[in-house]
């Protein structure tokens, strides 16, 4: 009898430990920080239908936290994160696709690159919110002219590099930063939407030769890092660099003059990788139906304008781009980065893209240092990428 009472007591306690999820706030996890986080929390506090609880998680921890907590039933209703997480989350079956009825209007209302970025294997797994990409940042006092193509960019940088002034500086080993030059020669990460490497052919060879020429001209020395580039630009000893909207707050704080423009073309337009921050719905949440109106609220034009002005990033919705572009303080920057976005391509969200970054970094290092022939070294990179992808799909 005593054992029966203990069993019943245990069941009661378990029941007490598992409150009805309908009685708790909707949970949203994000890596927003600073002004972005403040604006996002205010939006969530103003949501009229349900209380919303926002948990800020450091960016380098959020992805793993979602992967661990969500299958255990401890995840949020919504995750705010970049589109290159979608493939991993989708394979793990953690995400609910956006309703099909939303896709037609979204195609009309958001930048095409935004919807491309959140689409994985034919389904949209996030509601696009904010967009970002690399631009050519130019100090107009040091570099008053806008270079019209890649050859002119290199020649102009050589012309400007005098004394303590550097003409052009960025970490060309990192594919994220060197990608616009690959795209400017017609290269793609994968060919024809499949998993065939697209960086290692003749187009990639041309890009590598151009990047090597920047080192040969003493523009980008060995050991160049993007942190150094930021410091030089802030000190006004660097005429041109590559960076994104996250850098503009530092520039404004130090009153550094700058012009934002797309990387100039080669034989093709130079397309930056465009990152799409979106709202992802937890497929396993017992309140995913309640989360749908919250997604529409946070993804509305007015909410996107609020987030864009807090962050300096480009809103995904065209209407919000126009409204934010009229802001007296940040409007001009948002307009400039909107041009970068419209010229860009979505950062790959397929897990196989993880097979590309390290081999290409190694090859760019060897080629740009003059220690390897571009054609032969890209063949090595191609082999490594294919082997890594094969291991992933087996």
Protein backbone atom coordinates (compact mmCIF):
# COMPACT_ATOMS: atom_id res chain seq x y z
CA UNK A 1 0.00 0.00 0.00
CA UNK A 2 2.81 2.40 0.92
CA UNK A 3 4.48 1.67 -2.44
CA UNK A 4 1.25 2.51 -4.24
CA UNK A 5 0.99 5.87 -2.45
CA UNK A 6 4.60 6.67 -3.33
CA UNK A 7 3.92 5.83 -6.96
CA UNK A 8 0.84 8.05 -7.03
CA UNK A 9 2.76 10.85 -5.32
CA UNK A 10 5.51 10.54 -7.90
CA UNK A 11 3.00 10.81 -10.75
CA UNK A 12 1.48 13.91 -9.16
CA UNK A 13 4.91 15.51 -8.79
CA UNK A 14 5.80 14.73 -12.41
CA UNK A 15 2.53 16.26 -13.46
CA UNK A 16 3.29 19.37 -11.42
CA UNK A 17 6.75 19.60 -12.98
CA UNK A 18 5.23 19.67 -16.49
CA UNK A 19 2.93 22.73 -16.62
CA UNK A 20 0.65 23.23 -19.58
CA UNK A 21 2.79 25.01 -22.22
CA UNK A 22 -0.24 27.12 -23.13
CA UNK A 23 0.20 28.90 -19.80
CA UNK A 24 3.75 30.07 -20.38
CA UNK A 25 5.05 32.86 -22.61
CA UNK A 26 6.12 32.17 -26.18
CA UNK A 27 9.88 31.66 -26.13
CA UNK A 28 12.25 33.26 -28.64
CA UNK A 29 16.01 32.65 -28.68
CA UNK A 30 18.32 35.06 -30.46
CA UNK A 31 21.96 36.10 -30.72
CA UNK A 32 21.03 39.78 -31.10
CA UNK A 33 23.00 42.06 -28.82
CA UNK A 34 23.34 45.76 -28.08
CA UNK A 35 20.88 48.06 -29.86
CA UNK A 36 19.50 45.19 -31.94
CA UNK A 37 18.61 43.19 -28.84
CA UNK A 38 17.04 46.22 -27.14
CA UNK A 39 14.86 46.95 -30.19
CA UNK A 40 13.90 43.30 -30.59
CA UNK A 41 12.88 42.96 -26.95
CA UNK A 42 10.75 46.09 -27.20
CA UNK A 43 8.96 44.67 -30.25
CA UNK A 44 8.30 41.42 -28.42
CA UNK A 45 7.01 43.26 -25.35
CA UNK A 46 4.53 45.13 -27.56
CA UNK A 47 3.16 41.94 -29.15
CA UNK A 48 -0.57 42.00 -28.28
CA UNK A 49 -1.60 38.34 -28.53
CA UNK A 50 0.65 36.49 -26.07
CA UNK A 51 3.46 37.30 -23.64
CA UNK A 52 6.85 36.71 -25.28
CA UNK A 53 10.04 35.72 -23.45
CA UNK A 54 13.31 36.60 -25.22
CA UNK A 55 16.49 34.74 -24.36
CA UNK A 56 19.73 36.24 -25.68
CA UNK A 57 22.39 33.57 -26.32
CA UNK A 58 25.95 34.32 -27.57
CA UNK A 59 26.15 33.67 -31.29
CA UNK A 60 28.82 30.97 -31.00
CA UNK A 61 26.61 29.04 -28.55
CA UNK A 62 23.11 29.47 -29.97
CA UNK A 63 23.26 26.85 -32.73
CA UNK A 64 24.42 24.04 -30.43
CA UNK A 65 21.97 25.09 -27.72
CA UNK A 66 19.11 24.71 -30.18
CA UNK A 67 20.39 21.33 -31.41
CA UNK A 68 20.58 19.99 -27.85
CA UNK A 69 17.54 21.58 -26.21
CA UNK A 70 14.94 21.28 -28.95
CA UNK A 71 14.80 17.46 -29.27
CA UNK A 72 14.54 17.30 -25.48
CA UNK A 73 11.42 19.47 -25.55
CA UNK A 74 13.22 22.44 -23.97
CA UNK A 75 13.60 24.58 -27.08
CA UNK A 76 11.92 27.88 -27.96
CA UNK A 77 9.01 28.49 -30.30
CA UNK A 78 11.20 30.68 -32.52
CA UNK A 79 14.93 30.88 -33.21
CA UNK A 80 16.38 34.03 -34.77
CA UNK A 81 19.48 33.04 -36.70
CA UNK A 82 21.39 32.99 -40.00
CA UNK A 83 20.28 31.00 -43.02
CA UNK A 84 23.42 28.85 -43.10
CA UNK A 85 22.04 26.99 -40.05
CA UNK A 86 18.93 25.91 -41.94
CA UNK A 87 20.43 22.85 -43.59
CA UNK A 88 21.67 21.40 -40.30
CA UNK A 89 18.43 22.19 -38.46
CA UNK A 90 16.33 20.79 -41.31
CA UNK A 91 18.32 17.54 -41.51
CA UNK A 92 17.82 17.21 -37.74
CA UNK A 93 14.06 17.71 -38.39
CA UNK A 94 13.81 20.61 -35.96
CA UNK A 95 12.15 23.19 -38.22
CA UNK A 96 8.62 23.75 -39.46
CA UNK A 97 8.51 25.10 -43.04
CA UNK A 98 6.68 28.35 -43.60
CA UNK A 99 3.06 27.83 -44.68
CA UNK A 100 2.75 27.47 -48.46
CA UNK A 101 0.17 30.26 -48.45
CA UNK A 102 2.85 32.71 -47.31
CA UNK A 103 5.28 32.05 -50.16
CA UNK A 104 3.43 33.81 -52.99
CA UNK A 105 3.17 37.12 -51.11
CA UNK A 106 6.77 36.78 -49.88
CA UNK A 107 8.03 36.46 -53.47
CA UNK A 108 6.41 39.81 -54.18
CA UNK A 109 7.39 41.54 -50.95
CA UNK A 110 11.01 40.58 -50.16
CA UNK A 111 14.29 40.75 -52.06
CA UNK A 112 14.78 37.57 -54.12
CA UNK A 113 18.10 36.83 -52.42
CA UNK A 114 16.29 36.82 -49.06
CA UNK A 115 13.90 34.05 -50.08
CA UNK A 116 16.73 32.14 -51.80
CA UNK A 117 18.70 32.23 -48.57
CA UNK A 118 15.96 30.68 -46.42
CA UNK A 119 14.97 28.00 -48.95
CA UNK A 120 16.40 24.50 -48.44
CA UNK A 121 15.47 21.60 -50.71
CA UNK A 122 12.49 23.49 -52.07
CA UNK A 123 10.99 24.64 -48.76
CA UNK A 124 11.31 27.97 -46.95
CA UNK A 125 12.42 27.24 -43.39
CA UNK A 126 12.71 30.81 -42.08
CA UNK A 127 10.95 34.13 -42.45
CA UNK A 128 13.59 36.57 -43.78
CA UNK A 129 14.14 39.54 -41.51
CA UNK A 130 17.52 41.27 -42.05
CA UNK A 131 20.17 41.07 -44.79
CA UNK A 132 23.88 41.81 -44.82
CA UNK A 133 26.86 41.48 -47.14
CA UNK A 134 30.30 42.82 -47.87
CA UNK A 135 30.80 46.15 -49.60
CA UNK A 136 33.86 48.01 -50.76
CA UNK A 137 34.36 50.69 -48.10
CA UNK A 138 36.29 53.69 -49.34
CA UNK A 139 37.62 56.67 -47.41
CA UNK A 140 36.77 59.55 -49.79
CA UNK A 141 39.52 61.75 -48.38
CA UNK A 142 42.13 59.16 -49.28
CA UNK A 143 40.37 57.64 -52.31
CA UNK A 144 38.04 60.21 -53.86
CA UNK A 145 37.42 58.18 -57.02
CA UNK A 146 35.23 55.09 -57.40
CA UNK A 147 37.04 52.28 -59.27
CA UNK A 148 35.00 51.01 -62.21
CA UNK A 149 36.35 47.45 -62.50
CA UNK A 150 38.79 45.06 -60.84
CA UNK A 151 41.75 46.15 -62.93
CA UNK A 152 41.11 49.77 -62.01
CA UNK A 153 40.66 48.80 -58.35
CA UNK A 154 44.13 47.26 -58.27
CA UNK A 155 45.78 50.09 -60.21
CA UNK A 156 44.09 52.72 -58.03
CA UNK A 157 45.14 50.95 -54.83
CA UNK A 158 48.75 50.86 -56.03
CA UNK A 159 48.54 54.57 -56.86
CA UNK A 160 47.17 55.43 -53.41
CA UNK A 161 49.68 53.35 -51.44
CA UNK A 162 52.27 55.90 -50.32
CA UNK A 163 54.12 56.26 -47.05
CA UNK A 164 51.88 55.15 -44.20
CA UNK A 165 48.77 54.98 -46.40
CA UNK A 166 47.65 51.54 -47.54
CA UNK A 167 45.66 51.34 -50.75
CA UNK A 168 43.63 48.11 -50.29
CA UNK A 169 43.78 45.63 -47.44
CA UNK A 170 41.68 42.60 -46.34
CA UNK A 171 42.25 38.96 -45.46
CA UNK A 172 42.14 37.36 -48.89
CA UNK A 173 42.63 33.85 -47.48
CA UNK A 174 39.10 33.83 -46.07
CA UNK A 175 36.66 32.78 -48.79
CA UNK A 176 33.90 34.96 -47.34
CA UNK A 177 36.05 38.03 -48.09
CA UNK A 178 37.59 36.79 -51.35
CA UNK A 179 34.29 35.43 -52.74
CA UNK A 180 33.30 38.69 -54.55
CA UNK A 181 36.42 38.30 -56.69
CA UNK A 182 35.53 34.69 -57.54
CA UNK A 183 32.01 35.73 -58.52
CA UNK A 184 33.44 38.60 -60.59
CA UNK A 185 35.09 35.98 -62.83
CA UNK A 186 31.96 33.81 -63.06
CA UNK A 187 32.71 31.20 -60.40
CA UNK A 188 30.01 29.61 -58.24
CA UNK A 189 30.26 27.67 -54.97
CA UNK A 190 28.35 24.74 -56.49
CA UNK A 191 27.42 24.21 -60.13
CA UNK A 192 23.80 24.24 -61.32
CA UNK A 193 22.31 24.03 -57.85
CA UNK A 194 23.90 20.66 -57.10
CA UNK A 195 26.97 19.70 -55.07
CA UNK A 196 29.51 19.84 -57.89
CA UNK A 197 32.35 22.19 -56.78
CA UNK A 198 32.25 25.43 -58.75
CA UNK A 199 35.22 27.36 -57.35
CA UNK A 200 38.01 25.18 -58.70
CA UNK A 201 37.66 25.54 -62.47
CA UNK A 202 39.07 28.15 -64.91
CA UNK A 203 36.93 30.91 -63.35
CA UNK A 204 38.33 30.17 -59.90
CA UNK A 205 41.83 30.08 -61.34
CA UNK A 206 41.38 33.61 -62.73
CA UNK A 207 40.18 34.82 -59.34
CA UNK A 208 43.16 33.24 -57.58
CA UNK A 209 45.55 34.85 -60.03
CA UNK A 210 43.95 38.24 -59.39
CA UNK A 211 44.18 37.78 -55.62
CA UNK A 212 47.81 36.71 -55.96
CA UNK A 213 48.49 39.88 -57.95
CA UNK A 214 47.34 41.95 -54.97
CA UNK A 215 50.06 40.34 -52.87
CA UNK A 216 52.64 40.71 -55.62
CA UNK A 217 51.82 44.43 -55.72
CA UNK A 218 52.46 44.67 -51.94
CA UNK A 219 48.84 45.63 -51.29
CA UNK A 220 47.86 42.65 -49.11
CA UNK A 221 50.89 41.37 -47.18
CA UNK A 222 51.28 37.94 -45.64
CA UNK A 223 49.56 37.78 -42.28
CA UNK A 224 46.88 40.30 -43.27
CA UNK A 225 43.87 40.01 -40.98
CA UNK A 226 40.51 41.73 -41.05
CA UNK A 227 40.99 43.02 -37.49
CA UNK A 228 44.07 44.85 -38.76
CA UNK A 229 42.05 46.21 -41.70
CA UNK A 230 39.44 47.60 -39.32
CA UNK A 231 42.11 49.29 -37.20
CA UNK A 232 43.83 50.83 -40.23
CA UNK A 233 40.54 52.14 -41.63
CA UNK A 234 39.54 53.61 -38.26
CA UNK A 235 42.95 55.28 -38.04
CA UNK A 236 42.45 56.67 -41.57
CA UNK A 237 45.61 55.03 -42.88
CA UNK A 238 43.71 52.68 -45.22
CA UNK A 239 42.00 53.93 -48.37
CA UNK A 240 39.85 50.88 -49.25
CA UNK A 241 38.76 47.65 -47.58
CA UNK A 242 35.91 45.13 -47.54
CA UNK A 243 33.47 45.12 -44.65
CA UNK A 244 29.80 45.04 -43.74
CA UNK A 245 27.14 47.10 -41.94
CA UNK A 246 28.29 45.80 -38.54
CA UNK A 247 31.38 48.05 -38.93
CA UNK A 248 29.52 51.32 -39.45
CA UNK A 249 28.86 52.09 -35.78
CA UNK A 250 32.60 52.17 -35.11
CA UNK A 251 33.15 54.44 -38.11
CA UNK A 252 30.47 56.88 -36.98
CA UNK A 253 31.81 56.90 -33.43
CA UNK A 254 35.24 58.00 -34.68
CA UNK A 255 33.86 60.33 -37.39
CA UNK A 256 35.70 58.42 -40.11
CA UNK A 257 34.43 59.39 -43.58
CA UNK A 258 33.34 56.47 -45.76
CA UNK A 259 31.59 55.57 -48.98
CA UNK A 260 29.77 52.25 -49.42
CA UNK A 261 29.68 50.63 -52.85
CA UNK A 262 29.63 47.14 -54.38
CA UNK A 263 32.96 45.54 -55.23
CA UNK A 264 33.57 46.54 -58.87
CA UNK A 265 33.05 43.94 -61.61
CA UNK A 266 35.45 41.73 -63.49
CA UNK A 267 34.04 39.85 -66.48
CA UNK A 268 30.88 39.45 -64.35
CA UNK A 269 29.32 41.55 -61.57
CA UNK A 270 30.99 41.00 -58.21
CA UNK A 271 28.42 39.39 -55.92
CA UNK A 272 28.96 39.34 -52.16
CA UNK A 273 27.67 36.50 -50.02
CA UNK A 274 24.41 37.74 -48.51
CA UNK A 275 23.59 36.59 -45.01
CA UNK A 276 19.89 36.32 -44.18
CA UNK A 277 18.84 36.52 -40.54
CA UNK A 278 15.44 34.89 -40.23
CA UNK A 279 12.75 33.64 -37.87
CA UNK A 280 12.74 29.83 -37.63
CA UNK A 281 9.79 27.89 -36.21
CA UNK A 282 10.46 24.94 -33.91
CA UNK A 283 8.66 21.94 -35.44
CA UNK A 284 8.58 20.19 -32.07
CA UNK A 285 7.03 23.07 -30.13
CA UNK A 286 3.54 22.38 -28.75
CA UNK A 287 2.79 26.04 -29.53
CA UNK A 288 3.99 26.30 -33.11
CA UNK A 289 0.52 27.39 -34.24
CA UNK A 290 0.64 30.26 -31.73
CA UNK A 291 4.09 31.17 -33.09
CA UNK A 292 2.84 31.80 -36.64
CA UNK A 293 1.15 35.16 -35.89
CA UNK A 294 4.26 36.19 -33.92
CA UNK A 295 6.39 35.49 -37.01
CA UNK A 296 4.12 37.66 -39.13
CA UNK A 297 4.26 40.45 -36.53
CA UNK A 298 8.06 40.38 -36.22
CA UNK A 299 8.43 40.05 -39.99
CA UNK A 300 6.13 42.96 -40.82
CA UNK A 301 7.45 46.05 -42.56
CA UNK A 302 7.20 48.21 -39.45
CA UNK A 303 9.08 45.66 -37.32
CA UNK A 304 11.76 45.27 -39.98
CA UNK A 305 12.23 49.04 -40.19
CA UNK A 306 12.70 49.13 -36.41
CA UNK A 307 15.31 46.35 -36.55
CA UNK A 308 17.09 47.82 -39.56
CA UNK A 309 17.50 51.22 -37.94
CA UNK A 310 18.77 49.59 -34.74
CA UNK A 311 21.35 47.53 -36.60
CA UNK A 312 22.14 49.30 -39.86
CA UNK A 313 21.37 46.07 -41.71
CA UNK A 314 19.05 45.90 -44.71
CA UNK A 315 15.43 44.83 -44.08
CA UNK A 316 14.31 41.92 -46.24
CA UNK A 317 11.01 43.52 -47.25
CA UNK A 318 11.19 46.01 -50.12
CA UNK A 319 8.68 48.36 -48.49
CA UNK A 320 10.79 48.41 -45.33
CA UNK A 321 13.92 49.09 -47.41
CA UNK A 322 12.28 52.20 -48.86
CA UNK A 323 11.08 53.46 -45.47
CA UNK A 324 14.36 52.78 -43.66
CA UNK A 325 16.26 54.32 -46.57
CA UNK A 326 14.67 57.69 -45.78
CA UNK A 327 16.03 57.82 -42.22
CA UNK A 328 18.13 60.94 -41.72
CA UNK A 329 20.95 59.14 -39.88
CA UNK A 330 21.19 55.63 -41.33
CA UNK A 331 19.07 55.88 -44.47
CA UNK A 332 21.92 56.53 -46.87
CA UNK A 333 23.90 53.56 -45.55
CA UNK A 334 20.86 51.28 -45.79
CA UNK A 335 20.29 52.41 -49.38
CA UNK A 336 23.93 51.69 -50.23
CA UNK A 337 23.89 48.24 -48.66
CA UNK A 338 20.56 47.52 -50.38
CA UNK A 339 22.42 47.90 -53.69
CA UNK A 340 25.05 45.45 -52.41
CA UNK A 341 22.30 43.01 -51.39
CA UNK A 342 20.51 43.20 -54.74
CA UNK A 343 23.79 42.36 -56.50
CA UNK A 344 24.67 39.53 -54.11
CA UNK A 345 23.98 35.81 -53.80
CA UNK A 346 22.69 34.00 -50.75
CA UNK A 347 25.26 32.43 -48.45
CA UNK A 348 24.97 28.65 -49.06
CA UNK A 349 22.79 26.91 -46.48
CA UNK A 350 23.48 23.30 -47.52
CA UNK A 351 25.61 21.43 -44.94
CA UNK A 352 27.93 20.44 -47.79
CA UNK A 353 29.14 24.04 -47.95
CA UNK A 354 31.13 23.30 -44.80
CA UNK A 355 33.37 21.12 -46.99
CA UNK A 356 34.44 24.16 -49.01
CA UNK A 357 35.85 26.71 -46.57
CA UNK A 358 39.00 25.03 -45.21
CA UNK A 359 40.34 23.57 -48.51
CA UNK A 360 39.82 26.92 -50.24
CA UNK A 361 41.53 28.82 -47.42
CA UNK A 362 44.55 26.52 -47.65
CA UNK A 363 44.68 26.89 -51.43
CA UNK A 364 44.33 30.67 -51.34
CA UNK A 365 47.17 30.84 -48.84
CA UNK A 366 49.52 28.73 -50.98
CA UNK A 367 48.57 30.37 -54.27
CA UNK A 368 48.74 33.95 -53.03
CA UNK A 369 52.14 33.31 -51.43
CA UNK A 370 53.44 32.03 -54.77
CA UNK A 371 54.09 28.56 -53.35
CA UNK A 372 51.66 26.72 -55.65
CA UNK A 373 50.44 26.89 -59.23
CA UNK A 374 46.80 28.05 -59.25
CA UNK A 375 45.54 25.35 -61.62
CA UNK A 376 47.25 22.49 -59.82
CA UNK A 377 46.41 23.72 -56.32
CA UNK A 378 42.73 24.17 -57.21
CA UNK A 379 42.71 20.57 -58.40
CA UNK A 380 43.91 19.60 -54.93
CA UNK A 381 41.16 21.71 -53.36
CA UNK A 382 38.59 20.15 -55.69
CA UNK A 383 39.64 16.65 -54.60
CA UNK A 384 39.46 17.55 -50.90
CA UNK A 385 36.03 19.17 -51.27
CA UNK A 386 34.64 16.16 -53.13
CA UNK A 387 36.02 13.73 -50.55
CA UNK A 388 34.51 15.73 -47.67
CA UNK A 389 31.13 15.92 -49.38
CA UNK A 390 31.20 12.20 -50.10
CA UNK A 391 31.81 11.45 -46.42
CA UNK A 392 28.88 13.68 -45.51
CA UNK A 393 26.39 11.94 -47.78
CA UNK A 394 27.47 8.36 -47.06
